[in-house]
Amino acid sequence: MSINSTSSKIFNRLENILIIGNGGRENSLAWAIQKNELVKKVYLIPGNSGSERINKCERIKIDINNEIELVEKLDFLKIDLIVIGPEIPLANGLADFLRKKDFKVFGPGKDGAKLEYSKSWAKEFMREANIPTANFWKVNSLEEAKNIIHTSPMPLVVKADGLASGKGVFIPDSKDECFRAAELIFNGKFGKSGNSIVLEEKIQGPEVSVFALCDGQKYVLLPTAQDHKRLNEKDKGPNTGGMGAYSPAPLLTEDNLDKITKEIIKPTIDGLNRKNITYKGVIYFGLMITESGAKVIEYNCRFGDPECQTIMPLMDKNFVSLLEKCSMGNLTGDEKISTSDKVSGCVIATSKGYPNEYKTGFPITIGKIDSIDCQIFDSGTATGKNGELLTDGGRVLSIVCQDKDFDMVFERAYKNLKEIKFDGIYFRNDIGHQVRKKLSTEN
């Protein structure tokens, strides 16, 4: 039993917050959470080189899989709320373990995380709950996959069933490409995550992301966003974890969102409840707006990256209180999120070769940055022996700005990007092309 968290439930403290994760998503969450005056300290396990440049933040070096050491450390730090960022610890049941130790946790249990870590389970869940999505087939062998691909009138989307860091989805233009994608997955490209695959009917339309903060019964919606999954400009090339985003998405009107709430969001939470899954965390709805309406492409059991970096600067200081309410099952259902009246955009700077093989360890230099309503969230960085900032991931930095319109947002983001140098830096110049009237043409 964690004494400190029991007392925190009584006194409703929010002094010491722990965030688990090491990317741009977790840094942006820390940045938003520290704005609340009740918060004295934000700890990150493990965080990255940018974490401690954020006010009130401190990194902790500890193995989250060492349960005894972890609980002792969290008790010693008097942690009042734990926010779990990445999908892998959620899929491994970390939230369940910490709740059993009486900590308040924002993040679903292993049962709820199945929405993300098993695409076939999620698709079957949608079918049972009558939630609009593309037709699909779960297959367990290459031969079975080839038979379905061969008999399909159109090329199918090919997905590894398990977690693949956003890279396990292939959208082929031909049946031959479908065969090759299925072969790649079954041959071990994503390890056990590819023991089975999901073949999906290809649907058409723009994609949009909707996030619901849930307390098990009730929910509150964050601003919408649009991500850019493809590596190259004009939305070409392989899928990535995300090359940039903007928020809110003008594509979704209030009427659209009302319909999505009625047809997708509420039925999802009701469906989870029917399965006795008490979901306390964020549900990411990856939607495609087709001619026949919105359809779910995928669920995630955590904040999207880079959508999170894009949305967090729009949050007010009470954001952390909503996370705590969700962790305790205390939403009233009437909460309104106070957001900035500005719009926000994010561009990701990556290592050369991402999302495939890439090298790290290159020094990063950052020149004169416009810091008014602009943020740089480290996504994959490390500190060198002499204190220098080094690349340490495929996605290295998230460059984010807010302003009155998207043209100004991205003009400032790309201006800041010109001040950032490291060997092999790559980024798309057309992030936000759907909402920008003029595009940058220079790298």
Protein backbone atom coordinates (compact mmCIF):
# COMPACT_ATOMS: atom_id res chain seq x y z
CA MET A 1 0.00 0.00 0.00
CA SER A 2 1.39 3.38 -1.01
CA ILE A 3 0.88 5.68 1.99
CA ASN A 4 1.52 8.87 0.08
CA SER A 5 -1.04 8.16 -2.62
CA THR A 6 -3.69 7.27 -0.04
CA SER A 7 -3.21 10.66 1.59
CA SER A 8 -3.20 12.36 -1.80
CA LYS A 9 -6.67 11.00 -2.44
CA ILE A 10 -7.83 12.58 0.78
CA PHE A 11 -6.18 15.96 0.27
CA ASN A 12 -6.43 15.92 -3.54
CA ARG A 13 -2.80 16.98 -3.86
CA LEU A 14 -1.18 17.59 -7.22
CA GLU A 15 2.30 18.55 -6.05
CA ASN A 16 4.40 15.73 -7.51
CA ILE A 17 3.60 14.32 -10.93
CA LEU A 18 5.34 11.42 -12.67
CA ILE A 19 5.36 10.99 -16.45
CA ILE A 20 6.60 7.71 -17.93
CA GLY A 21 8.17 7.92 -21.40
CA ASN A 22 11.08 9.47 -23.26
CA GLY A 23 9.73 11.27 -26.33
CA GLY A 24 8.35 14.57 -27.54
CA ARG A 25 4.89 13.54 -26.35
CA GLU A 26 6.06 13.18 -22.75
CA ASN A 27 8.02 16.45 -22.84
CA SER A 28 4.97 18.32 -24.12
CA LEU A 29 2.79 16.75 -21.41
CA ALA A 30 5.33 17.84 -18.78
CA TRP A 31 5.39 21.35 -20.26
CA ALA A 32 1.58 21.60 -20.05
CA ILE A 33 1.35 20.06 -16.57
CA GLN A 34 3.98 22.31 -14.95
CA LYS A 35 1.87 25.40 -15.75
CA ASN A 36 -0.45 24.56 -12.85
CA GLU A 37 0.63 26.46 -9.73
CA LEU A 38 -0.23 23.48 -7.48
CA VAL A 39 2.41 21.38 -9.21
CA LYS A 40 5.80 21.62 -7.52
CA LYS A 41 7.71 18.92 -9.40
CA VAL A 42 7.31 16.89 -12.59
CA TYR A 43 9.45 13.75 -12.77
CA LEU A 44 10.09 11.83 -15.99
CA ILE A 45 11.13 8.18 -16.32
CA PRO A 46 13.38 8.16 -18.28
CA GLY A 47 12.75 11.42 -20.18
CA ASN A 48 15.39 12.73 -22.59
CA SER A 49 17.88 15.59 -22.85
CA GLY A 50 15.13 18.16 -23.28
CA SER A 51 13.16 17.12 -20.20
CA GLU A 52 15.19 19.05 -17.63
CA ARG A 53 15.05 22.24 -19.71
CA ILE A 54 11.34 22.33 -18.86
CA ASN A 55 10.39 24.23 -15.71
CA LYS A 56 9.97 22.08 -12.55
CA CYS A 57 11.12 18.93 -14.39
CA GLU A 58 13.63 16.28 -13.34
CA ARG A 59 14.62 12.97 -14.91
CA ILE A 60 14.81 9.75 -12.91
CA LYS A 61 17.02 6.84 -13.95
CA ILE A 62 15.20 3.70 -12.89
CA ASP A 63 13.98 0.51 -14.57
CA ILE A 64 10.18 0.60 -14.62
CA ASN A 65 10.22 -3.22 -14.84
CA ASN A 66 11.89 -3.45 -11.41
CA GLU A 67 8.60 -3.26 -9.53
CA ILE A 68 9.96 -3.18 -5.99
CA GLU A 69 12.47 -0.42 -6.71
CA LEU A 70 9.87 1.54 -8.69
CA VAL A 71 7.27 1.56 -5.90
CA GLU A 72 9.89 2.47 -3.27
CA LYS A 73 11.04 5.39 -5.41
CA LEU A 74 7.51 6.66 -6.09
CA ASP A 75 6.65 6.45 -2.40
CA PHE A 76 9.83 8.33 -1.51
CA LEU A 77 8.99 11.07 -4.05
CA LYS A 78 5.39 11.27 -2.77
CA ILE A 79 3.97 10.95 -6.28
CA ASP A 80 0.38 12.21 -6.51
CA LEU A 81 -0.41 11.29 -10.13
CA ILE A 82 1.24 9.05 -12.72
CA VAL A 83 0.77 9.69 -16.45
CA ILE A 84 1.90 6.83 -18.69
CA GLY A 85 2.87 8.08 -22.14
CA PRO A 86 3.88 5.17 -24.43
CA GLU A 87 1.82 2.19 -25.54
CA ILE A 88 4.27 -0.60 -24.57
CA PRO A 89 4.13 -0.17 -20.75
CA LEU A 90 0.34 0.18 -21.03
CA ALA A 91 0.15 -3.04 -23.08
CA ASN A 92 2.36 -4.70 -20.45
CA GLY A 93 -0.09 -3.81 -17.66
CA LEU A 94 1.94 -1.16 -15.82
CA ALA A 95 -1.19 0.90 -15.05
CA ASP A 96 -2.85 -2.15 -13.44
CA PHE A 97 0.20 -2.81 -11.27
CA LEU A 98 0.49 0.79 -10.07
CA ARG A 99 -3.24 1.04 -9.30
CA LYS A 100 -2.96 -2.08 -7.17
CA LYS A 101 -0.29 -0.20 -5.22
CA ASP A 102 -2.90 2.56 -4.73
CA PHE A 103 -1.36 5.17 -7.00
CA LYS A 104 -3.54 7.41 -9.13
CA VAL A 105 -2.78 6.58 -12.75
CA PHE A 106 -3.82 8.22 -16.01
CA GLY A 107 -3.58 5.42 -18.55
CA PRO A 108 -5.73 2.36 -19.31
CA GLY A 109 -5.15 -1.10 -17.91
CA LYS A 110 -3.93 -3.94 -20.09
CA ASP A 111 -7.51 -4.80 -21.05
CA GLY A 112 -8.21 -1.29 -22.38
CA ALA A 113 -4.81 -1.05 -24.08
CA LYS A 114 -5.86 -3.98 -26.26
CA LEU A 115 -7.62 -1.37 -28.41
CA GLU A 116 -4.12 -0.56 -29.69
CA TYR A 117 -1.94 -3.60 -29.17
CA SER A 118 -4.24 -5.94 -31.12
CA LYS A 119 -5.64 -4.49 -34.33
CA SER A 120 -7.75 -7.60 -34.91
CA TRP A 121 -9.28 -7.35 -31.41
CA ALA A 122 -10.04 -3.66 -32.02
CA LYS A 123 -11.65 -4.41 -35.39
CA GLU A 124 -13.80 -7.18 -33.90
CA PHE A 125 -14.72 -4.83 -31.05
CA MET A 126 -15.87 -2.20 -33.59
CA ARG A 127 -17.91 -4.77 -35.47
CA GLU A 128 -19.63 -5.92 -32.26
CA ALA A 129 -20.34 -2.31 -31.20
CA ASN A 130 -21.56 -1.35 -34.69
CA ILE A 131 -18.88 1.34 -34.99
CA PRO A 132 -18.23 2.40 -38.62
CA THR A 133 -14.93 1.02 -39.94
CA ALA A 134 -13.54 -0.62 -43.07
CA ASN A 135 -14.23 -4.30 -43.80
CA PHE A 136 -11.38 -6.55 -42.64
CA TRP A 137 -9.94 -10.06 -42.45
CA LYS A 138 -7.67 -11.42 -39.73
CA VAL A 139 -5.19 -13.93 -41.18
CA ASN A 140 -2.61 -16.16 -39.53
CA SER A 141 -0.57 -17.35 -42.51
CA LEU A 142 0.98 -15.98 -45.68
CA GLU A 143 -0.95 -18.48 -47.80
CA GLU A 144 -4.26 -17.35 -46.31
CA ALA A 145 -3.30 -13.70 -46.87
CA LYS A 146 -2.39 -14.34 -50.52
CA ASN A 147 -5.73 -16.05 -51.16
CA ILE A 148 -7.69 -13.08 -49.79
CA ILE A 149 -5.51 -10.53 -51.61
CA HIS A 150 -5.84 -12.48 -54.87
CA THR A 151 -9.65 -12.66 -54.71
CA SER A 152 -10.09 -8.99 -53.69
CA PRO A 153 -11.13 -6.69 -56.55
CA MET A 154 -8.88 -3.92 -55.15
CA PRO A 155 -5.51 -3.79 -53.30
CA LEU A 156 -5.96 -4.12 -49.55
CA VAL A 157 -4.35 -2.30 -46.63
CA VAL A 158 -1.94 -4.63 -44.80
CA LYS A 159 -1.38 -4.24 -41.04
CA ALA A 160 0.75 -6.08 -38.51
CA ASP A 161 -1.67 -7.09 -35.75
CA GLY A 162 0.51 -5.97 -32.85
CA LEU A 163 2.50 -2.86 -31.89
CA ALA A 164 4.95 -1.60 -34.51
CA SER A 165 5.70 2.02 -33.48
CA GLY A 166 3.33 3.39 -36.12
CA LYS A 167 5.25 1.65 -38.92
CA GLY A 168 3.28 -1.59 -39.26
CA VAL A 169 0.70 -0.31 -41.74
CA PHE A 170 1.19 -0.64 -45.50
CA ILE A 171 -1.10 1.03 -48.04
CA PRO A 172 -0.21 -0.68 -51.33
CA ASP A 173 -1.17 0.52 -54.81
CA SER A 174 -1.13 -2.96 -56.34
CA LYS A 175 -1.76 -6.58 -55.38
CA ASP A 176 1.94 -7.33 -55.84
CA GLU A 177 2.73 -4.69 -53.20
CA CYS A 178 0.11 -6.29 -50.94
CA PHE A 179 1.81 -9.67 -51.29
CA ARG A 180 5.23 -8.15 -50.53
CA ALA A 181 3.91 -6.31 -47.44
CA ALA A 182 2.27 -9.48 -46.09
CA GLU A 183 5.47 -11.44 -46.75
CA LEU A 184 7.58 -8.80 -45.00
CA ILE A 185 5.39 -8.94 -41.87
CA PHE A 186 5.15 -12.73 -41.71
CA ASN A 187 8.91 -12.99 -42.24
CA GLY A 188 9.48 -11.18 -38.94
CA LYS A 189 9.82 -7.49 -39.81
CA PHE A 190 7.96 -6.61 -36.56
CA GLY A 191 8.76 -9.74 -34.52
CA LYS A 192 5.82 -11.27 -32.66
CA SER A 193 3.66 -8.27 -33.58
CA GLY A 194 3.50 -9.80 -37.06
CA ASN A 195 2.42 -13.33 -36.05
CA SER A 196 -0.94 -12.42 -37.55
CA ILE A 197 -2.03 -9.61 -39.83
CA VAL A 198 -5.16 -7.66 -40.60
CA LEU A 199 -6.16 -7.09 -44.22
CA GLU A 200 -8.47 -4.13 -44.67
CA GLU A 201 -10.62 -2.74 -47.41
CA LYS A 202 -9.02 0.49 -48.64
CA ILE A 203 -11.22 3.52 -47.95
CA GLN A 204 -10.69 7.06 -49.18
CA GLY A 205 -10.79 10.48 -47.56
CA PRO A 206 -8.85 12.86 -45.33
CA GLU A 207 -7.67 11.61 -41.94
CA VAL A 208 -8.28 13.36 -38.63
CA SER A 209 -7.47 12.62 -34.99
CA VAL A 210 -9.90 12.98 -32.09
CA PHE A 211 -8.88 12.53 -28.44
CA ALA A 212 -11.20 11.71 -25.55
CA LEU A 213 -10.06 11.90 -21.92
CA CYS A 214 -12.00 9.13 -20.15
CA ASP A 215 -12.65 8.30 -16.50
CA GLY A 216 -14.24 4.90 -17.16
CA GLN A 217 -17.75 6.25 -17.75
CA LYS A 218 -17.59 9.87 -18.84
CA TYR A 219 -15.29 11.72 -21.19
CA VAL A 220 -14.18 15.15 -22.37
CA LEU A 221 -12.81 15.93 -25.84
CA LEU A 222 -9.51 17.66 -26.60
CA PRO A 223 -9.05 19.89 -29.68
CA THR A 224 -8.98 17.88 -32.90
CA ALA A 225 -5.82 17.47 -34.97
CA GLN A 226 -4.53 16.26 -38.32
CA ASP A 227 -1.33 14.22 -38.49
CA HIS A 228 0.96 13.62 -41.48
CA LYS A 229 1.98 9.97 -41.46
CA ARG A 230 3.86 9.70 -44.77
CA LEU A 231 7.58 10.44 -44.86
CA ASN A 232 7.66 12.62 -47.96
CA GLU A 233 5.91 15.70 -49.27
CA LYS A 234 2.53 15.41 -51.01
CA ASP A 235 1.86 12.53 -48.58
CA LYS A 236 4.12 10.09 -50.43
CA GLY A 237 6.54 7.47 -49.17
CA PRO A 238 6.39 5.00 -46.27
CA ASN A 239 4.32 5.42 -43.14
CA THR A 240 6.12 6.89 -40.13
CA GLY A 241 5.25 7.60 -36.52
CA GLY A 242 4.25 11.09 -37.72
CA MET A 243 6.07 13.94 -39.51
CA GLY A 244 3.98 16.83 -38.23
CA ALA A 245 0.48 17.93 -37.26
CA TYR A 246 -1.82 20.88 -36.73
CA SER A 247 -4.72 21.65 -34.40
CA PRO A 248 -7.61 22.21 -34.44
CA ALA A 249 -8.66 20.53 -37.70
CA PRO A 250 -11.03 22.87 -39.61
CA LEU A 251 -12.27 19.80 -41.47
CA LEU A 252 -14.35 18.84 -38.43
CA THR A 253 -17.22 21.24 -37.85
CA GLU A 254 -19.24 21.18 -34.65
CA ASP A 255 -21.96 19.20 -36.46
CA ASN A 256 -19.38 16.67 -37.71
CA LEU A 257 -18.02 16.27 -34.20
CA ASP A 258 -21.51 15.81 -32.74
CA LYS A 259 -22.17 13.01 -35.23
CA ILE A 260 -18.78 11.39 -34.53
CA THR A 261 -19.51 11.56 -30.80
CA LYS A 262 -22.87 9.85 -31.30
CA GLU A 263 -21.72 7.20 -33.78
CA ILE A 264 -18.15 6.48 -32.63
CA ILE A 265 -16.98 7.97 -29.33
CA LYS A 266 -19.93 7.12 -27.08
CA PRO A 267 -20.41 3.63 -28.59
CA THR A 268 -16.71 2.92 -28.00
CA ILE A 269 -16.90 3.77 -24.30
CA ASP A 270 -20.23 1.96 -23.93
CA GLY A 271 -18.72 -1.08 -25.69
CA LEU A 272 -15.77 -1.11 -23.30
CA ASN A 273 -18.14 -0.94 -20.34
CA ARG A 274 -20.10 -3.91 -21.69
CA LYS A 275 -16.82 -5.84 -21.61
CA ASN A 276 -16.25 -4.69 -18.00
CA ILE A 277 -13.28 -2.58 -19.07
CA THR A 278 -12.93 0.56 -16.95
CA TYR A 279 -10.89 2.77 -19.24
CA LYS A 280 -9.12 5.61 -17.38
CA GLY A 281 -6.93 7.42 -19.87
CA VAL A 282 -7.02 8.92 -23.33
CA ILE A 283 -8.54 7.20 -26.35
CA TYR A 284 -7.10 8.32 -29.66
CA PHE A 285 -9.57 7.92 -32.50
CA GLY A 286 -7.81 7.83 -35.88
CA LEU A 287 -10.64 8.62 -38.30
CA MET A 288 -11.06 8.84 -42.05
CA ILE A 289 -13.78 11.14 -43.35
CA THR A 290 -15.26 9.17 -46.26
CA GLU A 291 -18.13 10.08 -48.58
CA SER A 292 -20.41 7.98 -46.36
CA GLY A 293 -19.18 9.58 -43.11
CA ALA A 294 -16.42 9.14 -40.53
CA LYS A 295 -14.90 5.67 -40.10
CA VAL A 296 -12.37 4.47 -37.53
CA ILE A 297 -8.99 3.56 -39.02
CA GLU A 298 -7.39 2.80 -35.66
CA TYR A 299 -7.54 3.32 -31.93
CA ASN A 300 -4.52 4.29 -29.83
CA CYS A 301 -4.47 3.93 -26.04
CA ARG A 302 -2.26 7.03 -25.56
CA PHE A 303 -1.79 10.57 -26.81
CA GLY A 304 -0.69 10.66 -30.44
CA ASP A 305 2.80 11.85 -31.28
CA PRO A 306 3.14 14.51 -32.78
CA GLU A 307 -0.49 15.49 -32.16
CA CYS A 308 0.20 15.74 -28.44
CA GLN A 309 3.06 18.23 -28.97
CA THR A 310 0.68 20.25 -31.17
CA ILE A 311 -2.28 20.26 -28.77
CA MET A 312 -0.55 20.73 -25.40
CA PRO A 313 0.36 24.43 -25.98
CA LEU A 314 -3.38 25.09 -26.45
CA MET A 315 -4.18 23.74 -22.97
CA ASP A 316 -4.66 25.98 -19.95
CA LYS A 317 -3.21 25.38 -16.47
CA ASN A 318 -6.14 23.14 -15.42
CA PHE A 319 -5.24 20.37 -17.88
CA VAL A 320 -3.52 18.32 -15.16
CA SER A 321 -6.67 18.48 -13.02
CA LEU A 322 -8.61 16.77 -15.81
CA LEU A 323 -6.05 13.97 -15.91
CA GLU A 324 -6.40 13.52 -12.16
CA LYS A 325 -10.21 13.46 -12.41
CA CYS A 326 -9.97 10.74 -15.05
CA SER A 327 -7.58 8.70 -12.88
CA MET A 328 -10.10 8.80 -10.02
CA GLY A 329 -13.28 8.28 -12.07
CA ASN A 330 -14.42 11.76 -11.09
CA LEU A 331 -15.39 13.53 -14.33
CA THR A 332 -18.78 15.21 -14.11
CA GLY A 333 -19.32 15.07 -17.87
CA ASP A 334 -19.85 18.83 -17.97
CA GLU A 335 -16.18 19.83 -18.09
CA LYS A 336 -15.17 22.26 -20.78
CA ILE A 337 -11.51 22.43 -21.73
CA SER A 338 -10.32 26.01 -21.81
CA THR A 339 -8.06 26.35 -24.84
CA SER A 340 -6.13 29.11 -26.52
CA ASP A 341 -7.96 31.08 -29.23
CA LYS A 342 -4.90 30.47 -31.42
CA VAL A 343 -4.12 27.56 -33.73
CA SER A 344 -1.07 25.33 -33.40
CA GLY A 345 1.26 23.48 -35.74
CA CYS A 346 4.17 21.07 -35.37
CA VAL A 347 6.96 19.99 -37.74
CA ILE A 348 9.18 17.00 -36.91
CA ALA A 349 12.90 17.04 -37.66
CA THR A 350 14.14 13.49 -38.24
CA SER A 351 17.39 11.61 -38.71
CA LYS A 352 18.40 10.71 -42.26
CA GLY A 353 17.08 7.23 -43.09
CA TYR A 354 14.08 7.29 -40.72
CA PRO A 355 11.74 5.32 -40.55
CA ASN A 356 14.21 2.62 -41.63
CA GLU A 357 17.87 2.44 -40.59
CA TYR A 358 19.47 5.65 -39.37
CA LYS A 359 22.54 6.74 -37.42
CA THR A 360 22.52 8.76 -34.18
CA GLY A 361 25.02 10.63 -32.03
CA PHE A 362 25.33 13.73 -34.21
CA PRO A 363 25.73 17.12 -32.46
CA ILE A 364 22.70 19.43 -32.64
CA THR A 365 23.16 23.20 -32.84
CA ILE A 366 20.25 25.56 -32.24
CA GLY A 367 20.63 29.19 -33.32
CA LYS A 368 18.40 32.18 -32.71
CA ILE A 369 14.90 30.87 -32.03
CA ASP A 370 11.63 32.80 -31.98
CA SER A 371 10.42 31.66 -28.55
CA ILE A 372 7.19 33.67 -28.28
CA ASP A 373 4.38 31.12 -28.61
CA CYS A 374 6.91 28.64 -29.99
CA GLN A 375 8.28 25.49 -28.38
CA ILE A 376 10.95 22.94 -29.22
CA PHE A 377 10.17 19.58 -27.63
CA ASP A 378 13.03 17.08 -27.75
CA SER A 379 11.78 13.80 -29.21
CA GLY A 380 14.97 11.76 -29.58
CA THR A 381 17.98 13.45 -28.00
CA ALA A 382 20.80 12.59 -25.59
CA THR A 383 23.53 14.50 -23.77
CA GLY A 384 27.14 13.91 -24.81
CA LYS A 385 30.16 13.55 -22.51
CA ASN A 386 30.84 17.28 -22.72
CA GLY A 387 27.22 18.29 -22.21
CA GLU A 388 26.47 18.73 -25.90
CA LEU A 389 23.04 17.90 -27.36
CA LEU A 390 23.10 14.82 -29.63
CA THR A 391 20.63 13.06 -31.89
CA ASP A 392 19.35 9.85 -30.29
CA GLY A 393 16.35 8.72 -32.31
CA GLY A 394 14.57 8.68 -35.65
CA ARG A 395 12.39 11.62 -34.75
CA VAL A 396 14.74 14.12 -33.11
CA LEU A 397 12.93 17.42 -32.43
CA SER A 398 9.34 18.68 -32.51
CA ILE A 399 9.17 22.31 -33.61
CA VAL A 400 5.82 23.81 -32.53
CA CYS A 401 4.28 27.30 -32.89
CA GLN A 402 0.93 28.98 -32.21
CA ASP A 403 -0.55 32.04 -33.93
CA LYS A 404 -3.80 33.47 -35.23
CA ASP A 405 -3.75 31.47 -38.48
CA PHE A 406 -1.97 28.43 -39.90
CA ASP A 407 0.07 30.38 -42.45
CA MET A 408 1.68 32.37 -39.65
CA VAL A 409 2.12 29.25 -37.51
CA PHE A 410 4.05 27.34 -40.14
CA GLU A 411 5.98 30.37 -41.37
CA ARG A 412 7.37 30.72 -37.84
CA ALA A 413 7.93 26.98 -37.37
CA TYR A 414 9.97 26.72 -40.57
CA LYS A 415 11.87 29.89 -39.69
CA ASN A 416 12.89 28.22 -36.42
CA LEU A 417 13.80 25.05 -38.29
CA LYS A 418 16.35 26.98 -40.34
CA GLU A 419 18.16 27.72 -37.06
CA ILE A 420 18.49 24.01 -36.21
CA LYS A 421 21.40 22.00 -37.62
CA PHE A 422 22.53 18.40 -37.34
CA ASP A 423 24.02 15.95 -39.80
CA GLY A 424 21.30 14.38 -41.95
CA ILE A 425 18.43 16.56 -40.71
CA TYR A 426 15.24 15.91 -42.69
CA PHE A 427 11.75 17.36 -42.49
CA ARG A 428 8.76 17.87 -44.73
CA ASN A 429 8.22 21.40 -46.03
CA ASP A 430 4.49 20.93 -46.62
CA ILE A 431 3.17 20.10 -43.15
CA GLY A 432 -0.27 21.70 -42.85
CA HIS A 433 -0.69 21.88 -46.64
CA GLN A 434 -4.42 21.31 -46.14
CA VAL A 435 -4.79 24.59 -44.23
CA ARG A 436 -1.97 26.78 -45.58
CA LYS A 437 -2.55 29.25 -48.37
CA LYS A 438 1.14 29.39 -49.25
CA LEU A 439 3.80 26.74 -48.80
CA SER A 440 7.48 27.03 -47.98
CA THR A 441 9.64 25.80 -50.85
CA GLU A 442 13.04 25.92 -49.19
CA ASN A 443 14.59 23.37 -46.90
